[in-house]
C-alpha atoms as a PDB file:
ATOM      1  CA  MET A   1       0.097  -0.063  -0.035  1.00  0.00           C
ATOM      2  CA  PRO A   2       1.135   3.281  -0.656  1.00  0.00           C
ATOM      3  CA  LYS A   3       2.549   5.693   2.098  1.00  0.00           C
ATOM      4  CA  ILE A   4       2.273   9.802   3.388  1.00  0.00           C
ATOM      5  CA  LEU A   5       5.550  10.205   5.314  1.00  0.00           C
ATOM      6  CA  TYR A   6       3.958  13.127   7.511  1.00  0.00           C
ATOM      7  CA  SER A   7       4.490  14.568  10.951  1.00  0.00           C
ATOM      8  CA  PRO A   8       1.180  15.991  13.009  1.00  0.00           C
ATOM      9  CA  ALA A   9       1.833  19.355  12.881  1.00  0.00           C
ATOM     10  CA  SER A  10       2.955  20.172   9.607  1.00  0.00           C
ATOM     11  CA  PRO A  11      -0.059  21.877   7.162  1.00  0.00           C
ATOM     12  CA  PHE A  12       1.216  20.466   4.593  1.00  0.00           C
ATOM     13  CA  ALA A  13       1.517  16.735   5.428  1.00  0.00           C
ATOM     14  CA  ALA A  14      -1.939  17.334   7.292  1.00  0.00           C
ATOM     15  CA  LYS A  15      -2.887  18.657   3.682  1.00  0.00           C
ATOM     16  CA  ALA A  16      -1.533  15.369   1.604  1.00  0.00           C
ATOM     17  CA  ARG A  17      -3.244  13.225   3.958  1.00  0.00           C
ATOM     18  CA  MET A  18      -6.126  15.287   3.545  1.00  0.00           C
ATOM     19  CA  VAL A  19      -6.328  15.421   0.111  1.00  0.00           C
ATOM     20  CA  ALA A  20      -6.218  11.699  -0.432  1.00  0.00           C
ATOM     21  CA  THR A  21      -8.601  11.020   2.309  1.00  0.00           C
ATOM     22  CA  HIS A  22     -10.787  13.252   0.353  1.00  0.00           C
ATOM     23  CA  VAL A  23     -10.182  11.451  -3.100  1.00  0.00           C
ATOM     24  CA  GLY A  24     -10.571   8.246  -1.280  1.00  0.00           C
ATOM     25  CA  TYR A  25      -6.607   7.468  -2.247  1.00  0.00           C
ATOM     26  CA  ALA A  26      -5.167   4.323  -0.118  1.00  0.00           C
ATOM     27  CA  PHE A  27      -2.384   5.090   2.181  1.00  0.00           C
ATOM     28  CA  THR A  28      -0.436   4.326   5.334  1.00  0.00           C
ATOM     29  CA  PRO A  29       0.506   7.302   6.896  1.00  0.00           C
ATOM     30  CA  VAL A  30       4.249   6.851   8.266  1.00  0.00           C
ATOM     31  CA  LEU A  31       5.191   9.102  11.119  1.00  0.00           C
ATOM     32  CA  MET A  32       8.960  10.416  10.766  1.00  0.00           C
ATOM     33  CA  LYS A  33      10.812  12.376  13.070  1.00  0.00           C
ATOM     34  CA  THR A  34      12.457  15.178  10.660  1.00  0.00           C
ATOM     35  CA  ASP A  35      15.369  16.264  13.303  1.00  0.00           C
ATOM     36  CA  GLU A  36      16.729  12.249  13.143  1.00  0.00           C
ATOM     37  CA  THR A  37      16.911  12.682   9.304  1.00  0.00           C
ATOM     38  CA  PRO A  38      15.032   9.523   8.928  1.00  0.00           C
ATOM     39  CA  VAL A  39      16.584   7.238   5.475  1.00  0.00           C
ATOM     40  CA  GLU A  40      13.054   6.318   4.863  1.00  0.00           C
ATOM     41  CA  LEU A  41      12.008  10.138   4.292  1.00  0.00           C
ATOM     42  CA  ILE A  42      15.739  10.739   2.902  1.00  0.00           C
ATOM     43  CA  ALA A  43      15.680   7.673   0.165  1.00  0.00           C
ATOM     44  CA  ALA A  44      11.665   9.307  -0.477  1.00  0.00           C
ATOM     45  CA  ASN A  45      13.190  13.120  -0.951  1.00  0.00           C
ATOM     46  CA  PRO A  46      16.338  14.292  -0.799  1.00  0.00           C
ATOM     47  CA  LEU A  47      15.725  17.059   1.019  1.00  0.00           C
ATOM     48  CA  GLY A  48      14.449  15.012   3.594  1.00  0.00           C
ATOM     49  CA  LYS A  49      11.388  16.967   3.832  1.00  0.00           C
ATOM     50  CA  ILE A  50       7.452  15.768   4.498  1.00  0.00           C
ATOM     51  CA  PRO A  51       5.739  15.171   2.962  1.00  0.00           C
ATOM     52  CA  ALA A  52       6.956  12.982   1.048  1.00  0.00           C
ATOM     53  CA  LEU A  53       4.644   9.830  -0.601  1.00  0.00           C
ATOM     54  CA  VAL A  54       5.728   6.675  -1.651  1.00  0.00           C
ATOM     55  CA  THR A  55       3.887   5.034  -4.039  1.00  0.00           C
ATOM     56  CA  ASP A  56       3.635   1.105  -4.550  1.00  0.00           C
ATOM     57  CA  GLU A  57       6.286   0.914  -6.813  1.00  0.00           C
ATOM     58  CA  GLY A  58       8.659   2.505  -4.230  1.00  0.00           C
ATOM     59  CA  ARG A  59       8.253   5.812  -6.171  1.00  0.00           C
ATOM     60  CA  GLY A  60       8.905   9.624  -3.528  1.00  0.00           C
ATOM     61  CA  VAL A  61       6.365  12.017  -4.531  1.00  0.00           C
ATOM     62  CA  PHE A  62       7.677  15.254  -2.909  1.00  0.00           C
ATOM     63  CA  ASP A  63       6.471  18.224  -2.137  1.00  0.00           C
ATOM     64  CA  SER A  64       2.576  18.883  -1.053  1.00  0.00           C
ATOM     65  CA  LYS A  65       1.884  20.554  -4.458  1.00  0.00           C
ATOM     66  CA  VAL A  66       3.077  18.044  -6.239  1.00  0.00           C
ATOM     67  CA  ILE A  67       1.514  15.511  -4.431  1.00  0.00           C
ATOM     68  CA  THR A  68      -2.014  16.912  -4.680  1.00  0.00           C
ATOM     69  CA  GLN A  69      -1.452  17.092  -8.056  1.00  0.00           C
ATOM     70  CA  PHE A  70      -0.609  13.169  -8.440  1.00  0.00           C
ATOM     71  CA  LEU A  71      -3.350  12.446  -6.511  1.00  0.00           C
ATOM     72  CA  ASN A  72      -5.557  14.454  -8.769  1.00  0.00           C
ATOM     73  CA  ARG A  73      -4.797  12.491 -11.479  1.00  0.00           C
ATOM     74  CA  VAL A  74      -4.889   9.523 -10.208  1.00  0.00           C
ATOM     75  CA  SER A  75      -8.251   9.694  -8.863  1.00  0.00           C
ATOM     76  CA  GLY A  76      -9.496  10.681 -12.618  1.00  0.00           C
ATOM     77  CA  GLY A  77      -9.725  14.764 -10.998  1.00  0.00           C
ATOM     78  CA  LYS A  78     -11.063  14.655  -7.471  1.00  0.00           C
ATOM     79  CA  ALA A  79      -8.808  16.569  -5.961  1.00  0.00           C
ATOM     80  CA  PHE A  80      -9.618  20.292  -8.543  1.00  0.00           C
ATOM     81  CA  PRO A  81     -12.391  21.092 -10.539  1.00  0.00           C
ATOM     82  CA  ARG A  82     -12.470  20.495 -14.213  1.00  0.00           C
ATOM     83  CA  ASN A  83     -13.625  23.738 -15.145  1.00  0.00           C
ATOM     84  CA  PRO A  84     -10.073  25.928 -15.811  1.00  0.00           C
ATOM     85  CA  ASP A  85     -11.357  29.357 -13.553  1.00  0.00           C
ATOM     86  CA  LYS A  86     -12.665  27.351 -11.072  1.00  0.00           C
ATOM     87  CA  ARG A  87      -9.407  25.153 -11.162  1.00  0.00           C
ATOM     88  CA  LEU A  88      -7.179  28.169 -11.192  1.00  0.00           C
ATOM     89  CA  GLU A  89      -9.310  29.931  -8.038  1.00  0.00           C
ATOM     90  CA  ALA A  90      -8.176  26.406  -6.093  1.00  0.00           C
ATOM     91  CA  GLU A  91      -4.794  26.309  -7.054  1.00  0.00           C
ATOM     92  CA  MET A  92      -4.272  29.958  -6.322  1.00  0.00           C
ATOM     93  CA  LEU A  93      -6.415  29.138  -2.630  1.00  0.00           C
ATOM     94  CA  GLU A  94      -4.411  25.922  -2.403  1.00  0.00           C
ATOM     95  CA  SER A  95      -1.039  28.635  -3.523  1.00  0.00           C
ATOM     96  CA  LEU A  96      -1.624  31.391  -1.063  1.00  0.00           C
ATOM     97  CA  ALA A  97      -2.271  28.573   1.818  1.00  0.00           C
ATOM     98  CA  ASP A  98       0.881  27.223   1.651  1.00  0.00           C
ATOM     99  CA  GLY A  99       2.347  31.036   1.439  1.00  0.00           C
ATOM    100  CA  ILE A 100       0.886  32.190   4.466  1.00  0.00           C
ATOM    101  CA  GLY A 101       2.260  28.615   6.044  1.00  0.00           C
ATOM    102  CA  ASP A 102       5.457  28.851   4.697  1.00  0.00           C
ATOM    103  CA  CYS A 103       5.887  32.616   6.572  1.00  0.00           C
ATOM    104  CA  ALA A 104       4.339  30.849   9.396  1.00  0.00           C
ATOM    105  CA  ILE A 105       6.697  28.269  10.055  1.00  0.00           C
ATOM    106  CA  ALA A 106       9.841  30.485   9.471  1.00  0.00           C
ATOM    107  CA  CYS A 107       8.547  32.936  12.216  1.00  0.00           C
ATOM    108  CA  VAL A 108       8.276  29.049  14.583  1.00  0.00           C
ATOM    109  CA  TYR A 109      12.271  28.257  13.015  1.00  0.00           C
ATOM    110  CA  GLU A 110      13.536  31.982  13.598  1.00  0.00           C
ATOM    111  CA  ARG A 111      12.660  31.169  17.353  1.00  0.00           C
ATOM    112  CA  ARG A 112      13.239  27.779  17.684  1.00  0.00           C
ATOM    113  CA  GLN A 113      16.249  26.962  15.641  1.00  0.00           C
ATOM    114  CA  ARG A 114      18.387  30.015  17.189  1.00  0.00           C
ATOM    115  CA  PRO A 115      19.335  31.170  20.651  1.00  0.00           C
ATOM    116  CA  GLU A 116      17.150  34.408  22.158  1.00  0.00           C
ATOM    117  CA  GLU A 117      19.667  36.372  21.204  1.00  0.00           C
ATOM    118  CA  LYS A 118      20.349  35.493  18.152  1.00  0.00           C
ATOM    119  CA  GLN A 119      16.561  35.543  16.713  1.00  0.00           C
ATOM    120  CA  TYR A 120      16.796  38.588  14.076  1.00  0.00           C
ATOM    121  CA  GLN A 121      13.224  40.450  14.837  1.00  0.00           C
ATOM    122  CA  PRO A 122      13.255  42.282  11.660  1.00  0.00           C
ATOM    123  CA  TRP A 123      12.929  38.905   9.659  1.00  0.00           C
ATOM    124  CA  ILE A 124      10.137  37.565  12.231  1.00  0.00           C
ATOM    125  CA  ASP A 125       8.200  40.643  11.874  1.00  0.00           C
ATOM    126  CA  LYS A 126       8.767  40.789   7.808  1.00  0.00           C
ATOM    127  CA  GLN A 127       7.217  37.171   7.659  1.00  0.00           C
ATOM    128  CA  TRP A 128       4.605  37.847  10.150  1.00  0.00           C
ATOM    129  CA  SER A 129       3.332  40.766   7.395  1.00  0.00           C
ATOM    130  CA  LYS A 130       3.171  38.520   4.683  1.00  0.00           C
ATOM    131  CA  VAL A 131       0.835  36.421   7.003  1.00  0.00           C
ATOM    132  CA  SER A 132      -0.881  39.353   7.876  1.00  0.00           C
ATOM    133  CA  ARG A 133      -1.866  40.291   4.502  1.00  0.00           C
ATOM    134  CA  GLY A 134      -2.885  37.082   3.318  1.00  0.00           C
ATOM    135  CA  LEU A 135      -5.502  36.778   6.006  1.00  0.00           C
ATOM    136  CA  ASP A 136      -6.871  39.676   5.689  1.00  0.00           C
ATOM    137  CA  HIS A 137      -7.386  39.046   1.815  1.00  0.00           C
ATOM    138  CA  LEU A 138      -8.621  35.985   2.559  1.00  0.00           C
ATOM    139  CA  GLU A 139     -10.951  37.738   5.407  1.00  0.00           C
ATOM    140  CA  ALA A 140     -11.815  40.118   2.884  1.00  0.00           C
ATOM    141  CA  ASN A 141     -12.441  37.585   0.483  1.00  0.00           C
ATOM    142  CA  ALA A 142     -13.483  34.051   2.290  1.00  0.00           C
ATOM    143  CA  PRO A 143     -13.985  31.391   0.646  1.00  0.00           C
ATOM    144  CA  LYS A 144     -16.986  29.512   0.172  1.00  0.00           C
ATOM    145  CA  LEU A 145     -17.299  25.558   1.662  1.00  0.00           C
ATOM    146  CA  PRO A 146     -19.712  23.895  -0.869  1.00  0.00           C
ATOM    147  CA  ALA A 147     -20.243  20.386  -0.364  1.00  0.00           C
ATOM    148  CA  ARG A 148     -17.670  19.453  -3.329  1.00  0.00           C
ATOM    149  CA  ILE A 149     -14.750  20.809  -1.873  1.00  0.00           C
ATOM    150  CA  HIS A 150     -11.389  20.879  -3.799  1.00  0.00           C
ATOM    151  CA  ALA A 151      -7.824  21.141  -2.208  1.00  0.00           C
ATOM    152  CA  GLY A 152      -7.647  24.707  -1.864  1.00  0.00           C
ATOM    153  CA  HIS A 153     -10.341  24.220   0.742  1.00  0.00           C
ATOM    154  CA  ILE A 154      -8.186  21.342   2.407  1.00  0.00           C
ATOM    155  CA  ALA A 155      -5.059  23.484   1.758  1.00  0.00           C
ATOM    156  CA  LEU A 156      -6.672  26.286   4.180  1.00  0.00           C
ATOM    157  CA  ALA A 157      -7.904  24.439   5.892  1.00  0.00           C
ATOM    158  CA  ALA A 158      -4.610  23.061   7.109  1.00  0.00           C
ATOM    159  CA  CYS A 159      -3.320  25.871   7.313  1.00  0.00           C
ATOM    160  CA  LEU A 160      -6.000  27.689   9.508  1.00  0.00           C
ATOM    161  CA  ALA A 161      -5.447  24.546  11.684  1.00  0.00           C
ATOM    162  CA  TYR A 162      -1.500  25.332  12.328  1.00  0.00           C
ATOM    163  CA  LEU A 163      -1.996  29.006  13.265  1.00  0.00           C
ATOM    164  CA  THR A 164      -4.437  27.750  15.694  1.00  0.00           C
ATOM    165  CA  LEU A 165      -1.907  24.826  17.018  1.00  0.00           C
ATOM    166  CA  ARG A 166       1.359  28.483  17.451  1.00  0.00           C
ATOM    167  CA  PHE A 167      -0.219  31.333  16.391  1.00  0.00           C
ATOM    168  CA  PRO A 168      -3.934  31.282  18.479  1.00  0.00           C
ATOM    169  CA  ASP A 169      -4.252  34.757  18.230  1.00  0.00           C
ATOM    170  CA  TRP A 170      -3.850  34.865  14.126  1.00  0.00           C
ATOM    171  CA  SER A 171      -8.168  35.093  13.976  1.00  0.00           C
ATOM    172  CA  LYS A 172      -8.356  37.857  16.465  1.00  0.00           C
ATOM    173  CA  GLY A 173     -10.268  40.527  14.178  1.00  0.00           C
ATOM    174  CA  ARG A 174     -11.148  37.647  11.390  1.00  0.00           C
ATOM    175  CA  PRO A 175     -14.749  36.217  12.657  1.00  0.00           C
ATOM    176  CA  LYS A 176     -15.559  34.575   8.575  1.00  0.00           C
ATOM    177  CA  LEU A 177     -11.947  32.810   8.416  1.00  0.00           C
ATOM    178  CA  LYS A 178     -12.385  31.422  12.598  1.00  0.00           C
ATOM    179  CA  ARG A 179     -16.501  30.453  11.262  1.00  0.00           C
ATOM    180  CA  TRP A 180     -14.761  28.881   7.984  1.00  0.00           C
ATOM    181  CA  LEU A 181     -12.364  26.606   9.836  1.00  0.00           C
ATOM    182  CA  ALA A 182     -15.137  25.705  12.411  1.00  0.00           C
ATOM    183  CA  LYS A 183     -17.744  24.740   9.649  1.00  0.00           C
ATOM    184  CA  PHE A 184     -15.388  22.783   7.630  1.00  0.00           C
ATOM    185  CA  SER A 185     -14.608  20.794  10.819  1.00  0.00           C
ATOM    186  CA  VAL A 186     -18.128  19.829  11.560  1.00  0.00           C
ATOM    187  CA  LYS A 187     -18.898  19.369   7.421  1.00  0.00           C
ATOM    188  CA  PHE A 188     -16.099  17.372   6.849  1.00  0.00           C
ATOM    189  CA  PRO A 189     -15.279  15.796  10.140  1.00  0.00           C
ATOM    190  CA  GLU A 190     -12.772  12.633   8.516  1.00  0.00           C
ATOM    191  CA  LEU A 191     -10.538  15.691   7.121  1.00  0.00           C
ATOM    192  CA  ALA A 192     -11.006  17.551  10.481  1.00  0.00           C
ATOM    193  CA  ALA A 193      -9.421  14.411  12.293  1.00  0.00           C
ATOM    194  CA  LEU A 194      -5.977  14.789  10.493  1.00  0.00           C
ATOM    195  CA  LEU A 195      -5.330  18.821  10.944  1.00  0.00           C
ATOM    196  CA  PRO A 196      -2.578  19.887  11.992  1.00  0.00           C
ATOM    197  CA  LYS A 197      -2.034  18.740  16.424  1.00  0.00           C
END
């Protein structure tokens, strides 16, 4: 059976597992401790980053955007809309959610990986300003949450759950996004169970 190598807090690994679940792609989740540079992870992705999907044939597929496109192909188009305009919207939502996640993770790593006296606050502030702009854009243009969701919706849910985990104050002044995540969790409990934690 295919595997998805993941870490429970990662929004990107959550997205990959959620999209796989959403499209009905059977897989075995394999927990990775990336700090230990696991051999299985390096074999699947030479960068040693999660998520990585390992096919039945042993082929490693990475990173999360490539995984969502792979899952869309093998599922016959269940991860993204077929209409070109709607697909572009879905891909841009995925990209925006992933970009917010990248910037938030950069803030976390700056604080976690460097001694306090070497942390560069202007860098943290710059990354957080990108997070804020992305969230404000989404608050002003909150996507609908239809019965038939796509990878963009899933990426946004993973991103917001990650922010809730690491930056609980993110939702102040953003009630639409806070309600959106709560509604997602109620409507799609099987996916919400895979959100970052």
